[in-house]
Amino acid sequence: MGSKINTLIGPDISIIGEIKYEGVIHIEASVEGSLIANKEKDSKLYINKTSFVRGSVDALNVAINGTVHGNVYAYGLIQLGADAVIKGDIYYKSIEMEVGAKIDGRLVVCDSDEKIELYKIDIESKGNSTTIRK
């Protein structure tokens, strides 16, 4: 995947609602809702250090350097920058983490997409999430 950004959501924007995306998306905004990748197409999600997301992140590849209050499902690579703050569980296949990243939740390694999906279905159906709610 090239590094061309398909969508940029700037810092002056506040979104309430679910965002479904594909391609390369760069978030610098406040989002109250889930971020969901189209898994049939290659994608990368960047969550900038000025960003705040209250909702789950369901991504192929994701780089987080901001704050996420919700579970993260990473089907490819998750990269956590030094300013990343995650309040929720992370289900992942591959992870890179810089010194300074903070996680208030579990790190659950999954060896397949199916295993991530099973965790997600279980959490959504039973309300087993450690996601911080309002």
N, C-alpha and C. Protein backbone atom coordinates (compact mmCIF):
# COMPACT_ATOMS: atom_id res chain seq x y z
N MET A 1 0.84 -1.18 0.00
CA MET A 1 0.00 0.00 0.00
C MET A 1 0.88 1.23 0.00
N GLY A 2 0.56 2.17 -0.83
CA GLY A 2 1.31 3.41 -0.87
C GLY A 2 1.00 4.27 0.34
N SER A 3 1.76 5.34 0.50
CA SER A 3 1.59 6.20 1.66
C SER A 3 0.63 7.36 1.39
N LYS A 4 -0.01 7.37 0.23
CA LYS A 4 -0.94 8.43 -0.11
C LYS A 4 -2.14 8.39 0.84
N ILE A 5 -2.44 9.53 1.45
CA ILE A 5 -3.59 9.61 2.36
C ILE A 5 -4.85 9.82 1.53
N ASN A 6 -5.82 8.89 1.67
CA ASN A 6 -7.10 9.03 0.98
C ASN A 6 -8.03 9.98 1.71
N THR A 7 -7.97 9.95 3.05
CA THR A 7 -8.88 10.77 3.86
C THR A 7 -8.13 11.36 5.04
N LEU A 8 -8.29 12.65 5.25
CA LEU A 8 -7.72 13.34 6.41
C LEU A 8 -8.87 13.99 7.16
N ILE A 9 -8.99 13.64 8.44
CA ILE A 9 -10.01 14.26 9.29
C ILE A 9 -9.25 15.13 10.29
N GLY A 10 -9.32 16.44 10.09
CA GLY A 10 -8.50 17.41 10.80
C GLY A 10 -8.92 17.65 12.24
N PRO A 11 -8.07 18.39 12.97
CA PRO A 11 -8.26 18.61 14.41
C PRO A 11 -9.46 19.47 14.77
N ASP A 12 -10.00 20.22 13.83
CA ASP A 12 -11.15 21.08 14.13
C ASP A 12 -12.48 20.34 13.96
N ILE A 13 -12.41 19.05 13.65
CA ILE A 13 -13.61 18.26 13.39
C ILE A 13 -13.93 17.40 14.62
N SER A 14 -15.21 17.25 14.90
CA SER A 14 -15.70 16.35 15.93
C SER A 14 -16.77 15.48 15.30
N ILE A 15 -16.60 14.17 15.38
CA ILE A 15 -17.52 13.25 14.72
C ILE A 15 -18.22 12.41 15.77
N ILE A 16 -19.55 12.30 15.63
CA ILE A 16 -20.33 11.40 16.46
C ILE A 16 -20.97 10.40 15.51
N GLY A 17 -20.53 9.15 15.61
CA GLY A 17 -21.05 8.11 14.74
C GLY A 17 -19.93 7.21 14.24
N GLU A 18 -20.32 6.12 13.66
CA GLU A 18 -19.41 5.11 13.16
C GLU A 18 -18.77 5.57 11.84
N ILE A 19 -17.48 5.27 11.68
CA ILE A 19 -16.79 5.58 10.43
C ILE A 19 -16.33 4.26 9.81
N LYS A 20 -16.79 4.00 8.59
CA LYS A 20 -16.33 2.84 7.83
C LYS A 20 -15.40 3.37 6.75
N TYR A 21 -14.24 2.74 6.60
CA TYR A 21 -13.24 3.30 5.69
C TYR A 21 -12.48 2.21 4.95
N GLU A 22 -11.77 2.66 3.91
CA GLU A 22 -10.78 1.83 3.20
C GLU A 22 -9.70 2.77 2.72
N GLY A 23 -8.57 2.22 2.35
CA GLY A 23 -7.44 3.05 1.95
C GLY A 23 -6.70 3.57 3.16
N VAL A 24 -6.07 4.72 3.01
CA VAL A 24 -5.28 5.31 4.08
C VAL A 24 -6.08 6.47 4.68
N ILE A 25 -6.35 6.41 5.98
CA ILE A 25 -7.10 7.46 6.66
C ILE A 25 -6.28 7.96 7.83
N HIS A 26 -6.21 9.27 7.96
CA HIS A 26 -5.44 9.93 9.01
C HIS A 26 -6.42 10.73 9.87
N ILE A 27 -6.50 10.38 11.16
CA ILE A 27 -7.44 11.03 12.08
C ILE A 27 -6.67 11.96 13.00
N GLU A 28 -7.08 13.21 13.04
CA GLU A 28 -6.53 14.18 13.99
C GLU A 28 -7.66 14.77 14.83
N ALA A 29 -8.82 14.14 14.82
CA ALA A 29 -10.04 14.70 15.38
C ALA A 29 -10.51 13.94 16.61
N SER A 30 -11.64 14.40 17.14
CA SER A 30 -12.35 13.71 18.21
C SER A 30 -13.45 12.88 17.56
N VAL A 31 -13.47 11.59 17.88
CA VAL A 31 -14.46 10.68 17.30
C VAL A 31 -15.19 9.95 18.42
N GLU A 32 -16.50 10.06 18.43
CA GLU A 32 -17.35 9.30 19.36
C GLU A 32 -18.06 8.25 18.53
N GLY A 33 -17.41 7.12 18.35
CA GLY A 33 -17.95 6.04 17.54
C GLY A 33 -16.83 5.15 17.06
N SER A 34 -17.20 4.03 16.51
CA SER A 34 -16.21 3.04 16.08
C SER A 34 -15.62 3.40 14.73
N LEU A 35 -14.37 2.95 14.52
CA LEU A 35 -13.67 3.09 13.24
C LEU A 35 -13.54 1.67 12.68
N ILE A 36 -14.13 1.42 11.52
CA ILE A 36 -14.21 0.06 10.99
C ILE A 36 -13.67 0.02 9.56
N ALA A 37 -12.65 -0.81 9.36
CA ALA A 37 -12.04 -0.96 8.03
C ALA A 37 -12.82 -1.95 7.18
N ASN A 38 -12.86 -1.70 5.88
CA ASN A 38 -13.33 -2.68 4.92
C ASN A 38 -12.19 -3.70 4.78
N LYS A 39 -12.39 -4.90 5.29
CA LYS A 39 -11.30 -5.88 5.36
C LYS A 39 -11.01 -6.56 4.02
N GLU A 40 -11.83 -6.27 3.02
CA GLU A 40 -11.58 -6.85 1.71
C GLU A 40 -10.62 -6.01 0.88
N LYS A 41 -10.27 -4.82 1.39
CA LYS A 41 -9.33 -3.94 0.70
C LYS A 41 -8.22 -3.54 1.66
N ASP A 42 -7.03 -3.34 1.12
CA ASP A 42 -5.88 -2.95 1.94
C ASP A 42 -6.13 -1.57 2.54
N SER A 43 -5.80 -1.41 3.82
CA SER A 43 -6.02 -0.11 4.46
C SER A 43 -5.03 0.10 5.59
N LYS A 44 -4.90 1.37 5.98
CA LYS A 44 -4.07 1.76 7.11
C LYS A 44 -4.75 2.93 7.79
N LEU A 45 -4.87 2.85 9.10
CA LEU A 45 -5.48 3.89 9.91
C LEU A 45 -4.41 4.52 10.77
N TYR A 46 -4.31 5.85 10.72
CA TYR A 46 -3.39 6.59 11.58
C TYR A 46 -4.23 7.41 12.56
N ILE A 47 -3.98 7.24 13.84
CA ILE A 47 -4.64 8.03 14.87
C ILE A 47 -3.57 8.91 15.50
N ASN A 48 -3.63 10.20 15.17
CA ASN A 48 -2.63 11.18 15.57
C ASN A 48 -2.66 11.43 17.07
N LYS A 49 -1.57 11.97 17.63
CA LYS A 49 -1.48 12.20 19.08
C LYS A 49 -2.46 13.23 19.59
N THR A 50 -3.03 14.06 18.73
CA THR A 50 -4.04 15.03 19.17
C THR A 50 -5.45 14.43 19.14
N SER A 51 -5.59 13.19 18.71
CA SER A 51 -6.89 12.55 18.53
C SER A 51 -7.40 11.89 19.80
N PHE A 52 -8.73 11.86 19.90
CA PHE A 52 -9.40 11.13 20.97
C PHE A 52 -10.52 10.32 20.33
N VAL A 53 -10.48 9.00 20.51
CA VAL A 53 -11.50 8.12 19.95
C VAL A 53 -12.18 7.40 21.11
N ARG A 54 -13.51 7.54 21.21
CA ARG A 54 -14.29 6.78 22.19
C ARG A 54 -15.14 5.81 21.37
N GLY A 55 -14.63 4.60 21.27
CA GLY A 55 -15.28 3.56 20.48
C GLY A 55 -14.24 2.54 20.08
N SER A 56 -14.67 1.47 19.48
CA SER A 56 -13.72 0.43 19.10
C SER A 56 -13.02 0.79 17.78
N VAL A 57 -11.84 0.21 17.62
CA VAL A 57 -11.07 0.35 16.39
C VAL A 57 -10.94 -1.05 15.80
N ASP A 58 -11.46 -1.22 14.59
CA ASP A 58 -11.48 -2.50 13.91
C ASP A 58 -10.72 -2.31 12.61
N ALA A 59 -9.42 -2.67 12.58
CA ALA A 59 -8.55 -2.26 11.49
C ALA A 59 -7.69 -3.41 10.96
N LEU A 60 -7.27 -3.27 9.72
CA LEU A 60 -6.25 -4.18 9.19
C LEU A 60 -4.90 -3.78 9.77
N ASN A 61 -4.47 -2.59 9.46
CA ASN A 61 -3.21 -2.04 9.96
C ASN A 61 -3.52 -0.70 10.60
N VAL A 62 -2.94 -0.46 11.78
CA VAL A 62 -3.26 0.77 12.50
C VAL A 62 -2.03 1.27 13.25
N ALA A 63 -1.83 2.58 13.20
CA ALA A 63 -0.78 3.25 13.97
C ALA A 63 -1.47 4.23 14.90
N ILE A 64 -1.30 4.03 16.20
CA ILE A 64 -1.97 4.86 17.19
C ILE A 64 -0.93 5.64 17.98
N ASN A 65 -1.11 6.95 18.02
CA ASN A 65 -0.26 7.80 18.84
C ASN A 65 -1.13 8.77 19.64
N GLY A 66 -2.44 8.52 19.64
CA GLY A 66 -3.39 9.33 20.38
C GLY A 66 -4.07 8.49 21.45
N THR A 67 -5.29 8.89 21.82
CA THR A 67 -6.03 8.22 22.89
C THR A 67 -7.22 7.47 22.31
N VAL A 68 -7.36 6.22 22.73
CA VAL A 68 -8.50 5.39 22.33
C VAL A 68 -9.12 4.80 23.59
N HIS A 69 -10.41 5.09 23.80
CA HIS A 69 -11.17 4.47 24.88
C HIS A 69 -12.10 3.45 24.23
N GLY A 70 -11.61 2.26 24.08
CA GLY A 70 -12.35 1.19 23.42
C GLY A 70 -11.40 0.08 23.04
N ASN A 71 -11.96 -1.05 22.70
CA ASN A 71 -11.13 -2.18 22.28
C ASN A 71 -10.57 -1.94 20.89
N VAL A 72 -9.40 -2.53 20.64
CA VAL A 72 -8.74 -2.43 19.34
C VAL A 72 -8.58 -3.83 18.78
N TYR A 73 -9.05 -4.03 17.55
CA TYR A 73 -8.92 -5.30 16.84
C TYR A 73 -8.02 -5.04 15.63
N ALA A 74 -6.81 -5.58 15.64
CA ALA A 74 -5.84 -5.34 14.57
C ALA A 74 -5.56 -6.66 13.85
N TYR A 75 -6.03 -6.75 12.61
CA TYR A 75 -5.90 -7.97 11.83
C TYR A 75 -4.55 -8.09 11.14
N GLY A 76 -3.81 -7.00 11.09
CA GLY A 76 -2.47 -7.00 10.52
C GLY A 76 -1.50 -6.54 11.59
N LEU A 77 -0.94 -5.36 11.40
CA LEU A 77 0.04 -4.79 12.32
C LEU A 77 -0.56 -3.63 13.09
N ILE A 78 -0.34 -3.60 14.40
CA ILE A 78 -0.68 -2.44 15.21
C ILE A 78 0.63 -1.83 15.69
N GLN A 79 0.75 -0.52 15.52
CA GLN A 79 1.92 0.23 15.97
C GLN A 79 1.45 1.24 16.99
N LEU A 80 2.05 1.20 18.18
CA LEU A 80 1.71 2.14 19.25
C LEU A 80 2.87 3.08 19.45
N GLY A 81 2.61 4.37 19.26
CA GLY A 81 3.63 5.38 19.45
C GLY A 81 3.81 5.72 20.92
N ALA A 82 4.79 6.53 21.21
CA ALA A 82 5.13 6.90 22.59
C ALA A 82 4.00 7.65 23.30
N ASP A 83 3.14 8.34 22.55
CA ASP A 83 2.04 9.09 23.15
C ASP A 83 0.71 8.34 23.13
N ALA A 84 0.71 7.08 22.73
CA ALA A 84 -0.52 6.30 22.66
C ALA A 84 -1.04 5.99 24.06
N VAL A 85 -2.36 6.13 24.22
CA VAL A 85 -3.05 5.76 25.45
C VAL A 85 -4.26 4.93 25.04
N ILE A 86 -4.28 3.67 25.44
CA ILE A 86 -5.38 2.78 25.10
C ILE A 86 -6.06 2.36 26.40
N LYS A 87 -7.36 2.61 26.50
CA LYS A 87 -8.16 2.14 27.64
C LYS A 87 -9.13 1.13 27.08
N GLY A 88 -8.68 -0.10 27.01
CA GLY A 88 -9.45 -1.19 26.44
C GLY A 88 -8.49 -2.30 26.07
N ASP A 89 -9.04 -3.41 25.65
CA ASP A 89 -8.22 -4.56 25.27
C ASP A 89 -7.75 -4.42 23.83
N ILE A 90 -6.60 -5.01 23.54
CA ILE A 90 -6.05 -5.03 22.18
C ILE A 90 -5.93 -6.48 21.73
N TYR A 91 -6.60 -6.81 20.64
CA TYR A 91 -6.55 -8.14 20.03
C TYR A 91 -5.76 -7.97 18.74
N TYR A 92 -4.65 -8.68 18.61
CA TYR A 92 -3.73 -8.38 17.51
C TYR A 92 -3.01 -9.63 17.01
N LYS A 93 -2.49 -9.51 15.79
CA LYS A 93 -1.63 -10.55 15.22
C LYS A 93 -0.17 -10.16 15.32
N SER A 94 0.12 -8.86 15.17
CA SER A 94 1.50 -8.37 15.21
C SER A 94 1.49 -6.98 15.83
N ILE A 95 2.47 -6.71 16.71
CA ILE A 95 2.48 -5.43 17.42
C ILE A 95 3.88 -4.85 17.49
N GLU A 96 3.95 -3.52 17.39
CA GLU A 96 5.16 -2.75 17.65
C GLU A 96 4.77 -1.67 18.65
N MET A 97 5.59 -1.47 19.69
CA MET A 97 5.25 -0.50 20.71
C MET A 97 6.47 0.29 21.12
N GLU A 98 6.34 1.63 21.13
CA GLU A 98 7.42 2.49 21.57
C GLU A 98 7.35 2.68 23.09
N VAL A 99 8.48 2.99 23.67
CA VAL A 99 8.54 3.30 25.10
C VAL A 99 7.66 4.51 25.36
N GLY A 100 6.80 4.42 26.36
CA GLY A 100 5.91 5.51 26.72
C GLY A 100 4.45 5.21 26.41
N ALA A 101 4.17 4.26 25.52
CA ALA A 101 2.79 3.89 25.22
C ALA A 101 2.15 3.31 26.47
N LYS A 102 0.88 3.67 26.69
CA LYS A 102 0.18 3.23 27.90
C LYS A 102 -1.05 2.43 27.50
N ILE A 103 -1.21 1.26 28.13
CA ILE A 103 -2.36 0.40 27.86
C ILE A 103 -3.00 0.04 29.18
N ASP A 104 -4.29 0.37 29.31
CA ASP A 104 -5.08 -0.01 30.47
C ASP A 104 -6.07 -1.06 29.98
N GLY A 105 -5.60 -2.28 29.86
CA GLY A 105 -6.39 -3.38 29.32
C GLY A 105 -5.48 -4.55 29.03
N ARG A 106 -6.03 -5.54 28.37
CA ARG A 106 -5.27 -6.75 28.06
C ARG A 106 -4.68 -6.68 26.65
N LEU A 107 -3.53 -7.33 26.49
CA LEU A 107 -2.95 -7.57 25.17
C LEU A 107 -3.20 -9.05 24.87
N VAL A 108 -3.98 -9.31 23.80
CA VAL A 108 -4.33 -10.68 23.47
C VAL A 108 -3.82 -10.98 22.06
N VAL A 109 -2.80 -11.84 21.99
CA VAL A 109 -2.25 -12.21 20.69
C VAL A 109 -3.16 -13.26 20.05
N CYS A 110 -3.43 -13.09 18.76
CA CYS A 110 -4.30 -13.99 18.02
C CYS A 110 -3.54 -14.47 16.79
N ASP A 111 -3.60 -15.75 16.53
CA ASP A 111 -2.84 -16.29 15.40
C ASP A 111 -3.62 -16.30 14.09
N SER A 112 -4.88 -15.85 14.11
CA SER A 112 -5.66 -15.81 12.87
C SER A 112 -6.74 -14.73 12.95
N ASP A 113 -7.24 -14.34 11.78
CA ASP A 113 -8.35 -13.39 11.71
C ASP A 113 -9.58 -13.97 12.39
N GLU A 114 -9.78 -15.28 12.23
CA GLU A 114 -10.94 -15.94 12.81
C GLU A 114 -10.94 -15.83 14.33
N LYS A 115 -9.77 -15.95 14.94
CA LYS A 115 -9.69 -15.85 16.40
C LYS A 115 -10.05 -14.44 16.86
N ILE A 116 -9.59 -13.43 16.14
CA ILE A 116 -9.94 -12.05 16.47
C ILE A 116 -11.45 -11.88 16.35
N GLU A 117 -12.03 -12.40 15.27
CA GLU A 117 -13.49 -12.30 15.07
C GLU A 117 -14.25 -12.98 16.21
N LEU A 118 -13.77 -14.14 16.67
CA LEU A 118 -14.45 -14.83 17.77
C LEU A 118 -14.43 -14.01 19.05
N TYR A 119 -13.30 -13.38 19.36
CA TYR A 119 -13.24 -12.50 20.53
C TYR A 119 -14.22 -11.34 20.38
N LYS A 120 -14.24 -10.75 19.18
CA LYS A 120 -15.11 -9.60 18.94
C LYS A 120 -16.58 -9.98 19.08
N ILE A 121 -16.97 -11.10 18.52
CA ILE A 121 -18.35 -11.57 18.62
C ILE A 121 -18.72 -11.84 20.07
N ASP A 122 -17.83 -12.48 20.82
CA ASP A 122 -18.09 -12.78 22.22
C ASP A 122 -18.28 -11.51 23.04
N ILE A 123 -17.43 -10.54 22.81
CA ILE A 123 -17.51 -9.27 23.56
C ILE A 123 -18.79 -8.52 23.22
N GLU A 124 -19.10 -8.43 21.93
CA GLU A 124 -20.28 -7.68 21.52
C GLU A 124 -21.58 -8.37 21.96
N SER A 125 -21.61 -9.70 21.94
CA SER A 125 -22.85 -10.40 22.27
C SER A 125 -23.12 -10.46 23.77
N LYS A 126 -22.07 -10.45 24.59
CA LYS A 126 -22.25 -10.59 26.03
C LYS A 126 -21.96 -9.33 26.81
N GLY A 127 -21.52 -8.28 26.13
CA GLY A 127 -21.17 -7.07 26.85
C GLY A 127 -19.96 -7.28 27.74
N ASN A 128 -19.03 -8.14 27.30
CA ASN A 128 -17.84 -8.46 28.10
C ASN A 128 -16.71 -7.46 27.93
N SER A 129 -16.95 -6.37 27.30
CA SER A 129 -15.90 -5.41 27.00
C SER A 129 -15.40 -4.68 28.23
N THR A 130 -14.09 -4.41 28.24
CA THR A 130 -13.52 -3.57 29.29
C THR A 130 -13.51 -2.12 28.84
N THR A 131 -14.18 -1.85 27.72
CA THR A 131 -14.25 -0.49 27.21
C THR A 131 -14.88 0.43 28.24
N ILE A 132 -14.28 1.55 28.45
CA ILE A 132 -14.83 2.54 29.36
C ILE A 132 -16.01 3.22 28.70
N ARG A 133 -17.12 3.24 29.37
CA ARG A 133 -18.33 3.84 28.82
C ARG A 133 -18.66 5.12 29.57
N LYS A 134 -19.43 5.97 28.92
CA LYS A 134 -19.86 7.22 29.54
C LYS A 134 -20.81 6.94 30.68
